[in-house]
Amino acid sequence: MTDKPTRANVPPPKKKSFLPEHVAVGAADNMNGERLAPMTFNMPRSWHLEFKMEAAVRGISMKELLQDSYAAYKREHGK
């Protein structure tokens, strides 16, 4: 008998994240009781990449960046 590892006792390889190590990834905050509504719109790929990178650099989701942007728009336009 050998001590050769079997599938049963070999852990799966760890997946590498595309995010830098300093970016914390937390659990989704979608359990606040309010139903979510999907939003679907198309943007140029270059804009999408810039938006996604901005969110990643700040350590927030694209959804959070969109919400923050809209809040700033409302403040600026007095709504």
PDB file of N, CA and C in Angstrom:
ATOM      1  N   MET A   1       0.839  -1.178   0.000  1.00  0.00           N
ATOM      2  CA  MET A   1       0.000   0.000   0.000  1.00  0.00           C
ATOM      3  C   MET A   1       0.886   1.245   0.000  1.00  0.00           C
ATOM      4  N   THR A   2       0.464   2.262  -0.768  1.00  0.00           N
ATOM      5  CA  THR A   2       1.248   3.499  -0.851  1.00  0.00           C
ATOM      6  C   THR A   2       0.472   4.641  -0.213  1.00  0.00           C
ATOM      7  N   ASP A   3       1.178   5.731   0.054  1.00  0.00           N
ATOM      8  CA  ASP A   3       0.538   6.926   0.617  1.00  0.00           C
ATOM      9  C   ASP A   3       0.191   7.915  -0.479  1.00  0.00           C
ATOM     10  N   LYS A   4      -0.081   7.426  -1.658  1.00  0.00           N
ATOM     11  CA  LYS A   4      -0.423   8.285  -2.790  1.00  0.00           C
ATOM     12  C   LYS A   4      -1.749   8.992  -2.517  1.00  0.00           C
ATOM     13  N   PRO A   5      -1.812  10.337  -2.718  1.00  0.00           N
ATOM     14  CA  PRO A   5      -3.070  11.046  -2.465  1.00  0.00           C
ATOM     15  C   PRO A   5      -4.175  10.573  -3.413  1.00  0.00           C
ATOM     16  N   THR A   6      -5.348  10.532  -2.897  1.00  0.00           N
ATOM     17  CA  THR A   6      -6.513  10.182  -3.715  1.00  0.00           C
ATOM     18  C   THR A   6      -7.347  11.432  -3.929  1.00  0.00           C
ATOM     19  N   ARG A   7      -8.296  11.341  -4.827  1.00  0.00           N
ATOM     20  CA  ARG A   7      -9.177  12.487  -5.071  1.00  0.00           C
ATOM     21  C   ARG A   7      -9.917  12.906  -3.810  1.00  0.00           C
ATOM     22  N   ALA A   8     -10.216  11.974  -2.965  1.00  0.00           N
ATOM     23  CA  ALA A   8     -11.003  12.260  -1.765  1.00  0.00           C
ATOM     24  C   ALA A   8     -10.269  13.155  -0.781  1.00  0.00           C
ATOM     25  N   ASN A   9      -8.943  13.106  -0.742  1.00  0.00           N
ATOM     26  CA  ASN A   9      -8.234  13.900   0.267  1.00  0.00           C
ATOM     27  C   ASN A   9      -7.311  14.968  -0.326  1.00  0.00           C
ATOM     28  N   VAL A  10      -7.505  15.301  -1.597  1.00  0.00           N
ATOM     29  CA  VAL A  10      -6.717  16.364  -2.217  1.00  0.00           C
ATOM     30  C   VAL A  10      -7.598  17.605  -2.321  1.00  0.00           C
ATOM     31  N   PRO A  11      -7.214  18.718  -1.669  1.00  0.00           N
ATOM     32  CA  PRO A  11      -8.057  19.922  -1.730  1.00  0.00           C
ATOM     33  C   PRO A  11      -8.044  20.514  -3.141  1.00  0.00           C
ATOM     34  N   PRO A  12      -9.145  21.146  -3.538  1.00  0.00           N
ATOM     35  CA  PRO A  12      -9.177  21.772  -4.861  1.00  0.00           C
ATOM     36  C   PRO A  12      -8.220  22.955  -4.892  1.00  0.00           C
ATOM     37  N   PRO A  13      -7.689  23.281  -6.067  1.00  0.00           N
ATOM     38  CA  PRO A  13      -6.777  24.431  -6.148  1.00  0.00           C
ATOM     39  C   PRO A  13      -7.510  25.724  -5.825  1.00  0.00           C
ATOM     40  N   LYS A  14      -6.798  26.654  -5.218  1.00  0.00           N
ATOM     41  CA  LYS A  14      -7.394  27.950  -4.892  1.00  0.00           C
ATOM     42  C   LYS A  14      -7.486  28.782  -6.156  1.00  0.00           C
ATOM     43  N   LYS A  15      -8.637  29.446  -6.330  1.00  0.00           N
ATOM     44  CA  LYS A  15      -8.826  30.318  -7.484  1.00  0.00           C
ATOM     45  C   LYS A  15      -8.190  31.667  -7.189  1.00  0.00           C
ATOM     46  N   LYS A  16      -7.489  32.199  -8.166  1.00  0.00           N
ATOM     47  CA  LYS A  16      -6.893  33.517  -8.007  1.00  0.00           C
ATOM     48  C   LYS A  16      -7.931  34.575  -8.344  1.00  0.00           C
ATOM     49  N   SER A  17      -7.995  35.591  -7.542  1.00  0.00           N
ATOM     50  CA  SER A  17      -8.906  36.700  -7.779  1.00  0.00           C
ATOM     51  C   SER A  17      -8.268  37.669  -8.768  1.00  0.00           C
ATOM     52  N   PHE A  18      -9.092  38.308  -9.583  1.00  0.00           N
ATOM     53  CA  PHE A  18      -8.591  39.327 -10.494  1.00  0.00           C
ATOM     54  C   PHE A  18      -8.403  40.660  -9.785  1.00  0.00           C
ATOM     55  N   LEU A  19      -8.893  40.765  -8.546  1.00  0.00           N
ATOM     56  CA  LEU A  19      -8.775  42.010  -7.788  1.00  0.00           C
ATOM     57  C   LEU A  19      -7.437  42.069  -7.062  1.00  0.00           C
ATOM     58  N   PRO A  20      -6.886  43.245  -6.889  1.00  0.00           N
ATOM     59  CA  PRO A  20      -5.664  43.373  -6.090  1.00  0.00           C
ATOM     60  C   PRO A  20      -5.916  42.906  -4.661  1.00  0.00           C
ATOM     61  N   GLU A  21      -4.849  42.483  -3.985  1.00  0.00           N
ATOM     62  CA  GLU A  21      -4.981  41.942  -2.632  1.00  0.00           C
ATOM     63  C   GLU A  21      -5.594  42.937  -1.653  1.00  0.00           C
ATOM     64  N   HIS A  22      -5.373  44.250  -1.853  1.00  0.00           N
ATOM     65  CA  HIS A  22      -5.858  45.244  -0.893  1.00  0.00           C
ATOM     66  C   HIS A  22      -7.355  45.514  -1.034  1.00  0.00           C
ATOM     67  N   VAL A  23      -7.995  44.956  -2.062  1.00  0.00           N
ATOM     68  CA  VAL A  23      -9.424  45.178  -2.260  1.00  0.00           C
ATOM     69  C   VAL A  23     -10.193  44.114  -1.494  1.00  0.00           C
ATOM     70  N   ALA A  24     -10.956  44.544  -0.522  1.00  0.00           N
ATOM     71  CA  ALA A  24     -11.749  43.608   0.273  1.00  0.00           C
ATOM     72  C   ALA A  24     -13.045  43.301  -0.456  1.00  0.00           C
ATOM     73  N   VAL A  25     -13.379  42.035  -0.503  1.00  0.00           N
ATOM     74  CA  VAL A  25     -14.621  41.619  -1.145  1.00  0.00           C
ATOM     75  C   VAL A  25     -15.539  41.118  -0.043  1.00  0.00           C
ATOM     76  N   GLY A  26     -16.656  41.797   0.140  1.00  0.00           N
ATOM     77  CA  GLY A  26     -17.589  41.425   1.188  1.00  0.00           C
ATOM     78  C   GLY A  26     -18.820  40.731   0.626  1.00  0.00           C
ATOM     79  N   ALA A  27     -19.670  40.334   1.531  1.00  0.00           N
ATOM     80  CA  ALA A  27     -20.908  39.676   1.135  1.00  0.00           C
ATOM     81  C   ALA A  27     -21.862  40.686   0.513  1.00  0.00           C
ATOM     82  N   ALA A  28     -22.713  40.201  -0.346  1.00  0.00           N
ATOM     83  CA  ALA A  28     -23.698  41.065  -0.990  1.00  0.00           C
ATOM     84  C   ALA A  28     -24.687  41.585   0.041  1.00  0.00           C
ATOM     85  N   ASP A  29     -25.077  42.834  -0.104  1.00  0.00           N
ATOM     86  CA  ASP A  29     -26.046  43.437   0.813  1.00  0.00           C
ATOM     87  C   ASP A  29     -27.394  43.519   0.107  1.00  0.00           C
ATOM     88  N   ASN A  30     -27.987  42.362  -0.126  1.00  0.00           N
ATOM     89  CA  ASN A  30     -29.263  42.346  -0.829  1.00  0.00           C
ATOM     90  C   ASN A  30     -30.368  41.739   0.020  1.00  0.00           C
ATOM     91  N   MET A  31     -30.180  41.722   1.310  1.00  0.00           N
ATOM     92  CA  MET A  31     -31.156  41.116   2.202  1.00  0.00           C
ATOM     93  C   MET A  31     -31.855  42.166   3.069  1.00  0.00           C
ATOM     94  N   ASN A  32     -31.965  43.399   2.574  1.00  0.00           N
ATOM     95  CA  ASN A  32     -32.561  44.461   3.371  1.00  0.00           C
ATOM     96  C   ASN A  32     -34.075  44.522   3.237  1.00  0.00           C
ATOM     97  N   GLY A  33     -34.668  43.563   2.547  1.00  0.00           N
ATOM     98  CA  GLY A  33     -36.116  43.509   2.452  1.00  0.00           C
ATOM     99  C   GLY A  33     -36.686  44.181   1.221  1.00  0.00           C
ATOM    100  N   GLU A  34     -35.968  45.092   0.610  1.00  0.00           N
ATOM    101  CA  GLU A  34     -36.473  45.760  -0.579  1.00  0.00           C
ATOM    102  C   GLU A  34     -36.173  44.898  -1.797  1.00  0.00           C
ATOM    103  N   ARG A  35     -37.173  44.706  -2.628  1.00  0.00           N
ATOM    104  CA  ARG A  35     -36.985  43.911  -3.835  1.00  0.00           C
ATOM    105  C   ARG A  35     -36.097  44.667  -4.816  1.00  0.00           C
ATOM    106  N   LEU A  36     -35.263  43.928  -5.505  1.00  0.00           N
ATOM    107  CA  LEU A  36     -34.358  44.527  -6.480  1.00  0.00           C
ATOM    108  C   LEU A  36     -35.007  44.506  -7.858  1.00  0.00           C
ATOM    109  N   ALA A  37     -34.749  45.538  -8.636  1.00  0.00           N
ATOM    110  CA  ALA A  37     -35.246  45.623 -10.006  1.00  0.00           C
ATOM    111  C   ALA A  37     -34.048  45.589 -10.946  1.00  0.00           C
ATOM    112  N   PRO A  38     -34.075  44.723 -11.937  1.00  0.00           N
ATOM    113  CA  PRO A  38     -32.932  44.665 -12.867  1.00  0.00           C
ATOM    114  C   PRO A  38     -32.876  45.893 -13.756  1.00  0.00           C
ATOM    115  N   MET A  39     -31.672  46.304 -14.069  1.00  0.00           N
ATOM    116  CA  MET A  39     -31.458  47.409 -15.000  1.00  0.00           C
ATOM    117  C   MET A  39     -30.567  46.880 -16.113  1.00  0.00           C
ATOM    118  N   THR A  40     -30.978  47.069 -17.332  1.00  0.00           N
ATOM    119  CA  THR A  40     -30.186  46.593 -18.450  1.00  0.00           C
ATOM    120  C   THR A  40     -30.021  47.725 -19.453  1.00  0.00           C
ATOM    121  N   PHE A  41     -28.775  48.087 -19.707  1.00  0.00           N
ATOM    122  CA  PHE A  41     -28.485  49.071 -20.730  1.00  0.00           C
ATOM    123  C   PHE A  41     -27.084  48.800 -21.255  1.00  0.00           C
ATOM    124  N   ASN A  42     -26.848  49.191 -22.463  1.00  0.00           N
ATOM    125  CA  ASN A  42     -25.562  48.949 -23.106  1.00  0.00           C
ATOM    126  C   ASN A  42     -24.744  50.230 -23.155  1.00  0.00           C
ATOM    127  N   MET A  43     -23.468  50.074 -22.859  1.00  0.00           N
ATOM    128  CA  MET A  43     -22.531  51.182 -22.887  1.00  0.00           C
ATOM    129  C   MET A  43     -21.344  50.772 -23.751  1.00  0.00           C
ATOM    130  N   PRO A  44     -20.607  51.737 -24.300  1.00  0.00           N
ATOM    131  CA  PRO A  44     -19.402  51.386 -25.046  1.00  0.00           C
ATOM    132  C   PRO A  44     -18.431  50.606 -24.151  1.00  0.00           C
ATOM    133  N   ARG A  45     -17.755  49.637 -24.721  1.00  0.00           N
ATOM    134  CA  ARG A  45     -16.833  48.794 -23.937  1.00  0.00           C
ATOM    135  C   ARG A  45     -15.775  49.618 -23.209  1.00  0.00           C
ATOM    136  N   SER A  46     -15.262  50.650 -23.860  1.00  0.00           N
ATOM    137  CA  SER A  46     -14.214  51.467 -23.231  1.00  0.00           C
ATOM    138  C   SER A  46     -14.752  52.172 -21.985  1.00  0.00           C
ATOM    139  N   TRP A  47     -15.989  52.661 -22.053  1.00  0.00           N
ATOM    140  CA  TRP A  47     -16.610  53.311 -20.896  1.00  0.00           C
ATOM    141  C   TRP A  47     -16.842  52.296 -19.782  1.00  0.00           C
ATOM    142  N   HIS A  48     -17.336  51.125 -20.149  1.00  0.00           N
ATOM    143  CA  HIS A  48     -17.604  50.068 -19.164  1.00  0.00           C
ATOM    144  C   HIS A  48     -16.320  49.671 -18.437  1.00  0.00           C
ATOM    145  N   LEU A  49     -15.237  49.508 -19.196  1.00  0.00           N
ATOM    146  CA  LEU A  49     -13.965  49.142 -18.582  1.00  0.00           C
ATOM    147  C   LEU A  49     -13.475  50.232 -17.634  1.00  0.00           C
ATOM    148  N   GLU A  50     -13.588  51.490 -18.046  1.00  0.00           N
ATOM    149  CA  GLU A  50     -13.170  52.602 -17.185  1.00  0.00           C
ATOM    150  C   GLU A  50     -14.005  52.639 -15.903  1.00  0.00           C
ATOM    151  N   PHE A  51     -15.312  52.451 -16.030  1.00  0.00           N
ATOM    152  CA  PHE A  51     -16.216  52.442 -14.877  1.00  0.00           C
ATOM    153  C   PHE A  51     -15.877  51.287 -13.932  1.00  0.00           C
ATOM    154  N   LYS A  52     -15.654  50.112 -14.504  1.00  0.00           N
ATOM    155  CA  LYS A  52     -15.333  48.927 -13.711  1.00  0.00           C
ATOM    156  C   LYS A  52     -14.007  49.103 -12.976  1.00  0.00           C
ATOM    157  N   MET A  53     -13.010  49.661 -13.667  1.00  0.00           N
ATOM    158  CA  MET A  53     -11.715  49.883 -13.041  1.00  0.00           C
ATOM    159  C   MET A  53     -11.808  50.906 -11.907  1.00  0.00           C
ATOM    160  N   GLU A  54     -12.611  51.941 -12.095  1.00  0.00           N
ATOM    161  CA  GLU A  54     -12.795  52.951 -11.043  1.00  0.00           C
ATOM    162  C   GLU A  54     -13.395  52.310  -9.798  1.00  0.00           C
ATOM    163  N   ALA A  55     -14.396  51.464  -9.999  1.00  0.00           N
ATOM    164  CA  ALA A  55     -15.012  50.778  -8.861  1.00  0.00           C
ATOM    165  C   ALA A  55     -13.991  49.876  -8.168  1.00  0.00           C
ATOM    166  N   ALA A  56     -13.216  49.130  -8.947  1.00  0.00           N
ATOM    167  CA  ALA A  56     -12.222  48.223  -8.368  1.00  0.00           C
ATOM    168  C   ALA A  56     -11.155  48.979  -7.583  1.00  0.00           C
ATOM    169  N   VAL A  57     -10.686  50.089  -8.130  1.00  0.00           N
ATOM    170  CA  VAL A  57      -9.666  50.892  -7.448  1.00  0.00           C
ATOM    171  C   VAL A  57     -10.192  51.404  -6.109  1.00  0.00           C
ATOM    172  N   ARG A  58     -11.461  51.774  -6.086  1.00  0.00           N
ATOM    173  CA  ARG A  58     -12.066  52.280  -4.848  1.00  0.00           C
ATOM    174  C   ARG A  58     -12.510  51.168  -3.912  1.00  0.00           C
ATOM    175  N   GLY A  59     -12.462  49.919  -4.382  1.00  0.00           N
ATOM    176  CA  GLY A  59     -12.843  48.782  -3.534  1.00  0.00           C
ATOM    177  C   GLY A  59     -14.344  48.666  -3.328  1.00  0.00           C
ATOM    178  N   ILE A  60     -15.114  49.136  -4.307  1.00  0.00           N
ATOM    179  CA  ILE A  60     -16.569  49.053  -4.208  1.00  0.00           C
ATOM    180  C   ILE A  60     -17.106  48.356  -5.456  1.00  0.00           C
ATOM    181  N   SER A  61     -18.360  47.948  -5.395  1.00  0.00           N
ATOM    182  CA  SER A  61     -18.966  47.304  -6.553  1.00  0.00           C
ATOM    183  C   SER A  61     -19.384  48.358  -7.573  1.00  0.00           C
ATOM    184  N   MET A  62     -19.619  47.909  -8.788  1.00  0.00           N
ATOM    185  CA  MET A  62     -20.104  48.814  -9.825  1.00  0.00           C
ATOM    186  C   MET A  62     -21.476  49.365  -9.427  1.00  0.00           C
ATOM    187  N   LYS A  63     -22.267  48.555  -8.759  1.00  0.00           N
ATOM    188  CA  LYS A  63     -23.581  49.002  -8.286  1.00  0.00           C
ATOM    189  C   LYS A  63     -23.419  50.155  -7.296  1.00  0.00           C
ATOM    190  N   GLU A  64     -22.482  50.014  -6.359  1.00  0.00           N
ATOM    191  CA  GLU A  64     -22.243  51.080  -5.382  1.00  0.00           C
ATOM    192  C   GLU A  64     -21.763  52.363  -6.069  1.00  0.00           C
ATOM    193  N   LEU A  65     -20.887  52.214  -7.059  1.00  0.00           N
ATOM    194  CA  LEU A  65     -20.396  53.389  -7.782  1.00  0.00           C
ATOM    195  C   LEU A  65     -21.536  54.076  -8.525  1.00  0.00           C
ATOM    196  N   LEU A  66     -22.416  53.303  -9.121  1.00  0.00           N
ATOM    197  CA  LEU A  66     -23.563  53.880  -9.813  1.00  0.00           C
ATOM    198  C   LEU A  66     -24.483  54.603  -8.827  1.00  0.00           C
ATOM    199  N   GLN A  67     -24.750  53.983  -7.670  1.00  0.00           N
ATOM    200  CA  GLN A  67     -25.606  54.615  -6.663  1.00  0.00           C
ATOM    201  C   GLN A  67     -24.968  55.900  -6.131  1.00  0.00           C
ATOM    202  N   ASP A  68     -23.659  55.855  -5.857  1.00  0.00           N
ATOM    203  CA  ASP A  68     -22.960  57.048  -5.370  1.00  0.00           C
ATOM    204  C   ASP A  68     -22.981  58.155  -6.422  1.00  0.00           C
ATOM    205  N   SER A  69     -22.816  57.772  -7.687  1.00  0.00           N
ATOM    206  CA  SER A  69     -22.823  58.754  -8.775  1.00  0.00           C
ATOM    207  C   SER A  69     -24.185  59.422  -8.896  1.00  0.00           C
ATOM    208  N   TYR A  70     -25.234  58.637  -8.774  1.00  0.00           N
ATOM    209  CA  TYR A  70     -26.582  59.200  -8.866  1.00  0.00           C
ATOM    210  C   TYR A  70     -26.872  60.117  -7.674  1.00  0.00           C
ATOM    211  N   ALA A  71     -26.420  59.723  -6.484  1.00  0.00           N
ATOM    212  CA  ALA A  71     -26.599  60.573  -5.298  1.00  0.00           C
ATOM    213  C   ALA A  71     -25.878  61.912  -5.492  1.00  0.00           C
ATOM    214  N   ALA A  72     -24.669  61.876  -6.052  1.00  0.00           N
ATOM    215  CA  ALA A  72     -23.919  63.113  -6.314  1.00  0.00           C
ATOM    216  C   ALA A  72     -24.636  63.963  -7.357  1.00  0.00           C
ATOM    217  N   TYR A  73     -25.197  63.345  -8.367  1.00  0.00           N
ATOM    218  CA  TYR A  73     -25.953  64.058  -9.402  1.00  0.00           C
ATOM    219  C   TYR A  73     -27.155  64.772  -8.779  1.00  0.00           C
ATOM    220  N   LYS A  74     -27.872  64.072  -7.903  1.00  0.00           N
ATOM    221  CA  LYS A  74     -29.035  64.691  -7.248  1.00  0.00           C
ATOM    222  C   LYS A  74     -28.617  65.855  -6.361  1.00  0.00           C
ATOM    223  N   ARG A  75     -27.502  65.712  -5.635  1.00  0.00           N
ATOM    224  CA  ARG A  75     -27.018  66.820  -4.796  1.00  0.00           C
ATOM    225  C   ARG A  75     -26.648  68.014  -5.654  1.00  0.00           C
ATOM    226  N   GLU A  76     -25.969  67.769  -6.728  1.00  0.00           N
ATOM    227  CA  GLU A  76     -25.502  68.853  -7.601  1.00  0.00           C
ATOM    228  C   GLU A  76     -26.663  69.576  -8.301  1.00  0.00           C
ATOM    229  N   HIS A  77     -27.688  68.864  -8.602  1.00  0.00           N
ATOM    230  CA  HIS A  77     -28.819  69.439  -9.330  1.00  0.00           C
ATOM    231  C   HIS A  77     -30.010  69.774  -8.418  1.00  0.00           C
ATOM    232  N   GLY A  78     -29.767  69.754  -7.113  1.00  0.00           N
ATOM    233  CA  GLY A  78     -30.766  70.199  -6.149  1.00  0.00           C
ATOM    234  C   GLY A  78     -32.024  69.375  -6.058  1.00  0.00           C
ATOM    235  N   LYS A  79     -31.904  68.078  -6.199  1.00  0.00           N
ATOM    236  CA  LYS A  79     -33.089  67.213  -6.091  1.00  0.00           C
ATOM    237  C   LYS A  79     -33.114  66.507  -4.790  1.00  0.00           C
TER     238      LYS A  79
END
